[in-house]
Amino acid sequence: QVYVQSFCCGKWFECSECHDEAEKDHQFTVDRVLRLMCKCCRRVFQRDLSALMESDKFCEQCQNLWCLPG
């Protein structure tokens, strides 16, 4: 439901595994703060994964649920 921006190269990917497949010279580094882009409305936002609340799992602009249950 979102794209994630890699802090190491600044490119957007569907997931960290997609990044690692495309970028052979480095790996995706996970930070506690992620920069995300909603696939529905293209709004860019950040989320602190160490303090993620239920209300943070929705896009603030279009209310798309971006954090799907795993």
PDB file of N, CA and C in Angstrom:
ATOM      1  N   GLN A   1       0.796  -1.206   0.000  1.00  0.00           N
ATOM      2  CA  GLN A   1       0.000   0.000   0.000  1.00  0.00           C
ATOM      3  C   GLN A   1       0.839   1.271   0.000  1.00  0.00           C
ATOM      4  N   VAL A   2       2.172   1.110   0.227  1.00  0.00           N
ATOM      5  CA  VAL A   2       3.073   2.262   0.219  1.00  0.00           C
ATOM      6  C   VAL A   2       4.383   1.900  -0.475  1.00  0.00           C
ATOM      7  N   TYR A   3       5.092   2.938  -0.905  1.00  0.00           N
ATOM      8  CA  TYR A   3       6.479   2.796  -1.328  1.00  0.00           C
ATOM      9  C   TYR A   3       7.322   3.288  -0.168  1.00  0.00           C
ATOM     10  N   VAL A   4       8.507   2.727  -0.011  1.00  0.00           N
ATOM     11  CA  VAL A   4       9.420   3.155   1.041  1.00  0.00           C
ATOM     12  C   VAL A   4      10.659   3.749   0.382  1.00  0.00           C
ATOM     13  N   GLN A   5      11.125   4.878   0.943  1.00  0.00           N
ATOM     14  CA  GLN A   5      12.319   5.524   0.401  1.00  0.00           C
ATOM     15  C   GLN A   5      13.540   5.030   1.151  1.00  0.00           C
ATOM     16  N   SER A   6      14.530   4.625   0.397  1.00  0.00           N
ATOM     17  CA  SER A   6      15.779   4.177   0.977  1.00  0.00           C
ATOM     18  C   SER A   6      16.616   5.391   1.366  1.00  0.00           C
ATOM     19  N   PHE A   7      17.087   5.430   2.613  1.00  0.00           N
ATOM     20  CA  PHE A   7      17.919   6.544   3.060  1.00  0.00           C
ATOM     21  C   PHE A   7      19.310   6.475   2.450  1.00  0.00           C
ATOM     22  N   CYS A   8      19.749   5.273   2.085  1.00  0.00           N
ATOM     23  CA  CYS A   8      21.110   5.135   1.566  1.00  0.00           C
ATOM     24  C   CYS A   8      21.259   5.694   0.149  1.00  0.00           C
ATOM     25  N   CYS A   9      20.225   5.549  -0.684  1.00  0.00           N
ATOM     26  CA  CYS A   9      20.351   6.014  -2.071  1.00  0.00           C
ATOM     27  C   CYS A   9      19.242   6.982  -2.488  1.00  0.00           C
ATOM     28  N   GLY A  10      18.216   7.144  -1.644  1.00  0.00           N
ATOM     29  CA  GLY A  10      17.149   8.099  -1.926  1.00  0.00           C
ATOM     30  C   GLY A  10      16.107   7.616  -2.915  1.00  0.00           C
ATOM     31  N   LYS A  11      16.213   6.367  -3.364  1.00  0.00           N
ATOM     32  CA  LYS A  11      15.257   5.826  -4.340  1.00  0.00           C
ATOM     33  C   LYS A  11      14.064   5.200  -3.626  1.00  0.00           C
ATOM     34  N   TRP A  12      12.941   5.107  -4.362  1.00  0.00           N
ATOM     35  CA  TRP A  12      11.695   4.545  -3.832  1.00  0.00           C
ATOM     36  C   TRP A  12      11.535   3.098  -4.265  1.00  0.00           C
ATOM     37  N   PHE A  13      11.092   2.241  -3.327  1.00  0.00           N
ATOM     38  CA  PHE A  13      10.907   0.819  -3.594  1.00  0.00           C
ATOM     39  C   PHE A  13       9.642   0.315  -2.910  1.00  0.00           C
ATOM     40  N   GLU A  14       9.148  -0.828  -3.371  1.00  0.00           N
ATOM     41  CA  GLU A  14       7.980  -1.454  -2.751  1.00  0.00           C
ATOM     42  C   GLU A  14       8.325  -2.061  -1.397  1.00  0.00           C
ATOM     43  N   CYS A  15       9.584  -2.519  -1.257  1.00  0.00           N
ATOM     44  CA  CYS A  15      10.006  -3.136  -0.004  1.00  0.00           C
ATOM     45  C   CYS A  15      11.529  -3.165   0.056  1.00  0.00           C
ATOM     46  N   SER A  16      12.068  -3.539   1.200  1.00  0.00           N
ATOM     47  CA  SER A  16      13.519  -3.586   1.352  1.00  0.00           C
ATOM     48  C   SER A  16      14.141  -4.680   0.478  1.00  0.00           C
ATOM     49  N   GLU A  17      13.425  -5.780   0.279  1.00  0.00           N
ATOM     50  CA  GLU A  17      13.933  -6.845  -0.577  1.00  0.00           C
ATOM     51  C   GLU A  17      14.025  -6.381  -2.034  1.00  0.00           C
ATOM     52  N   CYS A  18      13.049  -5.589  -2.472  1.00  0.00           N
ATOM     53  CA  CYS A  18      13.083  -5.030  -3.832  1.00  0.00           C
ATOM     54  C   CYS A  18      14.299  -4.126  -4.000  1.00  0.00           C
ATOM     55  N   HIS A  19      14.594  -3.349  -2.980  1.00  0.00           N
ATOM     56  CA  HIS A  19      15.774  -2.486  -3.003  1.00  0.00           C
ATOM     57  C   HIS A  19      17.036  -3.318  -3.182  1.00  0.00           C
ATOM     58  N   ASP A  20      17.180  -4.355  -2.358  1.00  0.00           N
ATOM     59  CA  ASP A  20      18.398  -5.159  -2.377  1.00  0.00           C
ATOM     60  C   ASP A  20      18.574  -5.904  -3.697  1.00  0.00           C
ATOM     61  N   GLU A  21      17.479  -6.278  -4.347  1.00  0.00           N
ATOM     62  CA  GLU A  21      17.568  -6.923  -5.654  1.00  0.00           C
ATOM     63  C   GLU A  21      18.028  -5.938  -6.735  1.00  0.00           C
ATOM     64  N   ALA A  22      17.583  -4.699  -6.632  1.00  0.00           N
ATOM     65  CA  ALA A  22      17.896  -3.697  -7.655  1.00  0.00           C
ATOM     66  C   ALA A  22      19.260  -3.044  -7.438  1.00  0.00           C
ATOM     67  N   GLU A  23      19.637  -2.837  -6.195  1.00  0.00           N
ATOM     68  CA  GLU A  23      20.883  -2.136  -5.857  1.00  0.00           C
ATOM     69  C   GLU A  23      21.905  -3.159  -5.375  1.00  0.00           C
ATOM     70  N   LYS A  24      22.751  -3.596  -6.260  1.00  0.00           N
ATOM     71  CA  LYS A  24      23.713  -4.663  -5.933  1.00  0.00           C
ATOM     72  C   LYS A  24      24.909  -4.179  -5.125  1.00  0.00           C
ATOM     73  N   ASP A  25      25.174  -2.863  -5.121  1.00  0.00           N
ATOM     74  CA  ASP A  25      26.369  -2.368  -4.448  1.00  0.00           C
ATOM     75  C   ASP A  25      26.161  -2.011  -2.975  1.00  0.00           C
ATOM     76  N   HIS A  26      24.917  -2.046  -2.493  1.00  0.00           N
ATOM     77  CA  HIS A  26      24.649  -1.778  -1.079  1.00  0.00           C
ATOM     78  C   HIS A  26      23.307  -2.395  -0.692  1.00  0.00           C
ATOM     79  N   GLN A  27      23.061  -2.499   0.610  1.00  0.00           N
ATOM     80  CA  GLN A  27      21.815  -3.076   1.107  1.00  0.00           C
ATOM     81  C   GLN A  27      20.960  -2.006   1.781  1.00  0.00           C
ATOM     82  N   PHE A  28      19.662  -2.270   1.824  1.00  0.00           N
ATOM     83  CA  PHE A  28      18.707  -1.385   2.484  1.00  0.00           C
ATOM     84  C   PHE A  28      19.037  -1.328   3.971  1.00  0.00           C
ATOM     85  N   THR A  29      19.139  -0.133   4.499  1.00  0.00           N
ATOM     86  CA  THR A  29      19.380   0.028   5.931  1.00  0.00           C
ATOM     87  C   THR A  29      18.092   0.458   6.601  1.00  0.00           C
ATOM     88  N   VAL A  30      17.733  -0.237   7.662  1.00  0.00           N
ATOM     89  CA  VAL A  30      16.479   0.041   8.372  1.00  0.00           C
ATOM     90  C   VAL A  30      16.751   1.046   9.472  1.00  0.00           C
ATOM     91  N   ASP A  31      16.007   2.126   9.446  1.00  0.00           N
ATOM     92  CA  ASP A  31      16.066   3.138  10.482  1.00  0.00           C
ATOM     93  C   ASP A  31      14.742   3.064  11.228  1.00  0.00           C
ATOM     94  N   ARG A  32      14.659   3.648  12.398  1.00  0.00           N
ATOM     95  CA  ARG A  32      13.378   3.599  13.114  1.00  0.00           C
ATOM     96  C   ARG A  32      12.348   4.534  12.491  1.00  0.00           C
ATOM     97  N   VAL A  33      12.815   5.537  11.718  1.00  0.00           N
ATOM     98  CA  VAL A  33      11.908   6.441  11.018  1.00  0.00           C
ATOM     99  C   VAL A  33      11.950   6.104   9.528  1.00  0.00           C
ATOM    100  N   LEU A  34      10.788   5.802   8.964  1.00  0.00           N
ATOM    101  CA  LEU A  34      10.689   5.484   7.542  1.00  0.00           C
ATOM    102  C   LEU A  34       9.998   6.616   6.807  1.00  0.00           C
ATOM    103  N   ARG A  35      10.452   6.895   5.608  1.00  0.00           N
ATOM    104  CA  ARG A  35       9.810   7.853   4.715  1.00  0.00           C
ATOM    105  C   ARG A  35       9.010   7.032   3.710  1.00  0.00           C
ATOM    106  N   LEU A  36       7.701   7.263   3.671  1.00  0.00           N
ATOM    107  CA  LEU A  36       6.779   6.455   2.890  1.00  0.00           C
ATOM    108  C   LEU A  36       5.992   7.303   1.903  1.00  0.00           C
ATOM    109  N   MET A  37       5.487   6.657   0.838  1.00  0.00           N
ATOM    110  CA  MET A  37       4.609   7.324  -0.116  1.00  0.00           C
ATOM    111  C   MET A  37       3.375   6.452  -0.314  1.00  0.00           C
ATOM    112  N   CYS A  38       2.206   7.018  -0.094  1.00  0.00           N
ATOM    113  CA  CYS A  38       0.948   6.307  -0.272  1.00  0.00           C
ATOM    114  C   CYS A  38       0.762   5.976  -1.756  1.00  0.00           C
ATOM    115  N   LYS A  39       0.436   4.733  -2.060  1.00  0.00           N
ATOM    116  CA  LYS A  39       0.225   4.332  -3.454  1.00  0.00           C
ATOM    117  C   LYS A  39      -1.093   4.868  -4.010  1.00  0.00           C
ATOM    118  N   CYS A  40      -2.030   5.223  -3.155  1.00  0.00           N
ATOM    119  CA  CYS A  40      -3.325   5.736  -3.623  1.00  0.00           C
ATOM    120  C   CYS A  40      -3.269   7.207  -4.008  1.00  0.00           C
ATOM    121  N   CYS A  41      -2.752   8.049  -3.108  1.00  0.00           N
ATOM    122  CA  CYS A  41      -2.777   9.495  -3.355  1.00  0.00           C
ATOM    123  C   CYS A  41      -1.393  10.111  -3.566  1.00  0.00           C
ATOM    124  N   ARG A  42      -0.339   9.315  -3.392  1.00  0.00           N
ATOM    125  CA  ARG A  42       1.054   9.739  -3.599  1.00  0.00           C
ATOM    126  C   ARG A  42       1.564  10.732  -2.552  1.00  0.00           C
ATOM    127  N   ARG A  43       0.872  10.840  -1.435  1.00  0.00           N
ATOM    128  CA  ARG A  43       1.341  11.719  -0.351  1.00  0.00           C
ATOM    129  C   ARG A  43       2.563  11.095   0.296  1.00  0.00           C
ATOM    130  N   VAL A  44       3.582  11.902   0.560  1.00  0.00           N
ATOM    131  CA  VAL A  44       4.795  11.447   1.232  1.00  0.00           C
ATOM    132  C   VAL A  44       4.693  11.799   2.715  1.00  0.00           C
ATOM    133  N   PHE A  45       5.038  10.837   3.564  1.00  0.00           N
ATOM    134  CA  PHE A  45       4.979  11.061   5.007  1.00  0.00           C
ATOM    135  C   PHE A  45       6.016  10.187   5.700  1.00  0.00           C
ATOM    136  N   GLN A  46       6.280  10.483   6.963  1.00  0.00           N
ATOM    137  CA  GLN A  46       7.235   9.716   7.756  1.00  0.00           C
ATOM    138  C   GLN A  46       6.517   9.066   8.925  1.00  0.00           C
ATOM    139  N   ARG A  47       7.023   7.908   9.324  1.00  0.00           N
ATOM    140  CA  ARG A  47       6.491   7.219  10.494  1.00  0.00           C
ATOM    141  C   ARG A  47       7.645   6.714  11.347  1.00  0.00           C
ATOM    142  N   ASP A  48       7.536   6.955  12.644  1.00  0.00           N
ATOM    143  CA  ASP A  48       8.495   6.448  13.610  1.00  0.00           C
ATOM    144  C   ASP A  48       8.030   5.060  14.026  1.00  0.00           C
ATOM    145  N   LEU A  49       8.744   4.034  13.616  1.00  0.00           N
ATOM    146  CA  LEU A  49       8.322   2.666  13.877  1.00  0.00           C
ATOM    147  C   LEU A  49       8.415   2.278  15.345  1.00  0.00           C
ATOM    148  N   SER A  50       9.208   3.017  16.115  1.00  0.00           N
ATOM    149  CA  SER A  50       9.323   2.697  17.538  1.00  0.00           C
ATOM    150  C   SER A  50       8.112   3.192  18.330  1.00  0.00           C
ATOM    151  N   ALA A  51       7.308   4.071  17.749  1.00  0.00           N
ATOM    152  CA  ALA A  51       6.147   4.632  18.448  1.00  0.00           C
ATOM    153  C   ALA A  51       4.907   4.586  17.557  1.00  0.00           C
ATOM    154  N   LEU A  52       4.770   3.543  16.764  1.00  0.00           N
ATOM    155  CA  LEU A  52       3.660   3.433  15.817  1.00  0.00           C
ATOM    156  C   LEU A  52       2.358   3.114  16.549  1.00  0.00           C
ATOM    157  N   MET A  53       1.363   3.988  16.382  1.00  0.00           N
ATOM    158  CA  MET A  53       0.054   3.782  16.994  1.00  0.00           C
ATOM    159  C   MET A  53      -0.938   3.348  15.914  1.00  0.00           C
ATOM    160  N   GLU A  54      -2.072   2.858  16.323  1.00  0.00           N
ATOM    161  CA  GLU A  54      -3.083   2.378  15.377  1.00  0.00           C
ATOM    162  C   GLU A  54      -3.494   3.463  14.385  1.00  0.00           C
ATOM    163  N   SER A  55      -3.630   4.696  14.842  1.00  0.00           N
ATOM    164  CA  SER A  55      -4.028   5.803  13.963  1.00  0.00           C
ATOM    165  C   SER A  55      -2.944   6.155  12.949  1.00  0.00           C
ATOM    166  N   ASP A  56      -1.686   5.768  13.212  1.00  0.00           N
ATOM    167  CA  ASP A  56      -0.574   6.051  12.304  1.00  0.00           C
ATOM    168  C   ASP A  56      -0.552   5.115  11.102  1.00  0.00           C
ATOM    169  N   LYS A  57      -1.401   4.123  11.083  1.00  0.00           N
ATOM    170  CA  LYS A  57      -1.394   3.112  10.024  1.00  0.00           C
ATOM    171  C   LYS A  57      -2.261   3.497   8.830  1.00  0.00           C
ATOM    172  N   PHE A  58      -2.775   4.726   8.856  1.00  0.00           N
ATOM    173  CA  PHE A  58      -3.608   5.235   7.768  1.00  0.00           C
ATOM    174  C   PHE A  58      -2.960   6.470   7.167  1.00  0.00           C
ATOM    175  N   CYS A  59      -3.117   6.640   5.861  1.00  0.00           N
ATOM    176  CA  CYS A  59      -2.646   7.851   5.206  1.00  0.00           C
ATOM    177  C   CYS A  59      -3.470   9.026   5.720  1.00  0.00           C
ATOM    178  N   GLU A  60      -2.807  10.097   6.098  1.00  0.00           N
ATOM    179  CA  GLU A  60      -3.509  11.266   6.633  1.00  0.00           C
ATOM    180  C   GLU A  60      -4.366  11.961   5.584  1.00  0.00           C
ATOM    181  N   GLN A  61      -4.018  11.807   4.314  1.00  0.00           N
ATOM    182  CA  GLN A  61      -4.740  12.502   3.253  1.00  0.00           C
ATOM    183  C   GLN A  61      -5.950  11.721   2.743  1.00  0.00           C
ATOM    184  N   CYS A  62      -5.754  10.444   2.400  1.00  0.00           N
ATOM    185  CA  CYS A  62      -6.853   9.680   1.779  1.00  0.00           C
ATOM    186  C   CYS A  62      -7.404   8.575   2.670  1.00  0.00           C
ATOM    187  N   GLN A  63      -6.822   8.394   3.860  1.00  0.00           N
ATOM    188  CA  GLN A  63      -7.247   7.389   4.841  1.00  0.00           C
ATOM    189  C   GLN A  63      -7.032   5.953   4.377  1.00  0.00           C
ATOM    190  N   ASN A  64      -6.163   5.756   3.378  1.00  0.00           N
ATOM    191  CA  ASN A  64      -5.802   4.420   2.936  1.00  0.00           C
ATOM    192  C   ASN A  64      -5.049   3.712   4.054  1.00  0.00           C
ATOM    193  N   LEU A  65      -5.435   2.468   4.344  1.00  0.00           N
ATOM    194  CA  LEU A  65      -4.732   1.669   5.330  1.00  0.00           C
ATOM    195  C   LEU A  65      -3.443   1.164   4.690  1.00  0.00           C
ATOM    196  N   TRP A  66      -2.311   1.689   5.117  1.00  0.00           N
ATOM    197  CA  TRP A  66      -1.044   1.332   4.460  1.00  0.00           C
ATOM    198  C   TRP A  66      -0.313   0.233   5.227  1.00  0.00           C
ATOM    199  N   CYS A  67      -0.575   0.062   6.484  1.00  0.00           N
ATOM    200  CA  CYS A  67       0.098  -0.946   7.291  1.00  0.00           C
ATOM    201  C   CYS A  67      -0.838  -2.135   7.438  1.00  0.00           C
ATOM    202  N   LEU A  68      -0.677  -3.105   6.555  1.00  0.00           N
ATOM    203  CA  LEU A  68      -1.563  -4.255   6.541  1.00  0.00           C
ATOM    204  C   LEU A  68      -1.169  -5.263   7.608  1.00  0.00           C
ATOM    205  N   PRO A  69      -2.168  -5.931   8.212  1.00  0.00           N
ATOM    206  CA  PRO A  69      -1.852  -6.938   9.238  1.00  0.00           C
ATOM    207  C   PRO A  69      -0.990  -8.050   8.656  1.00  0.00           C
ATOM    208  N   GLY A  70      -0.002  -8.470   9.407  1.00  0.00           N
ATOM    209  CA  GLY A  70       0.920  -9.483   8.939  1.00  0.00           C
ATOM    210  C   GLY A  70       0.618 -10.783   9.502  1.00  0.00           C
TER     211      GLY A  70
END
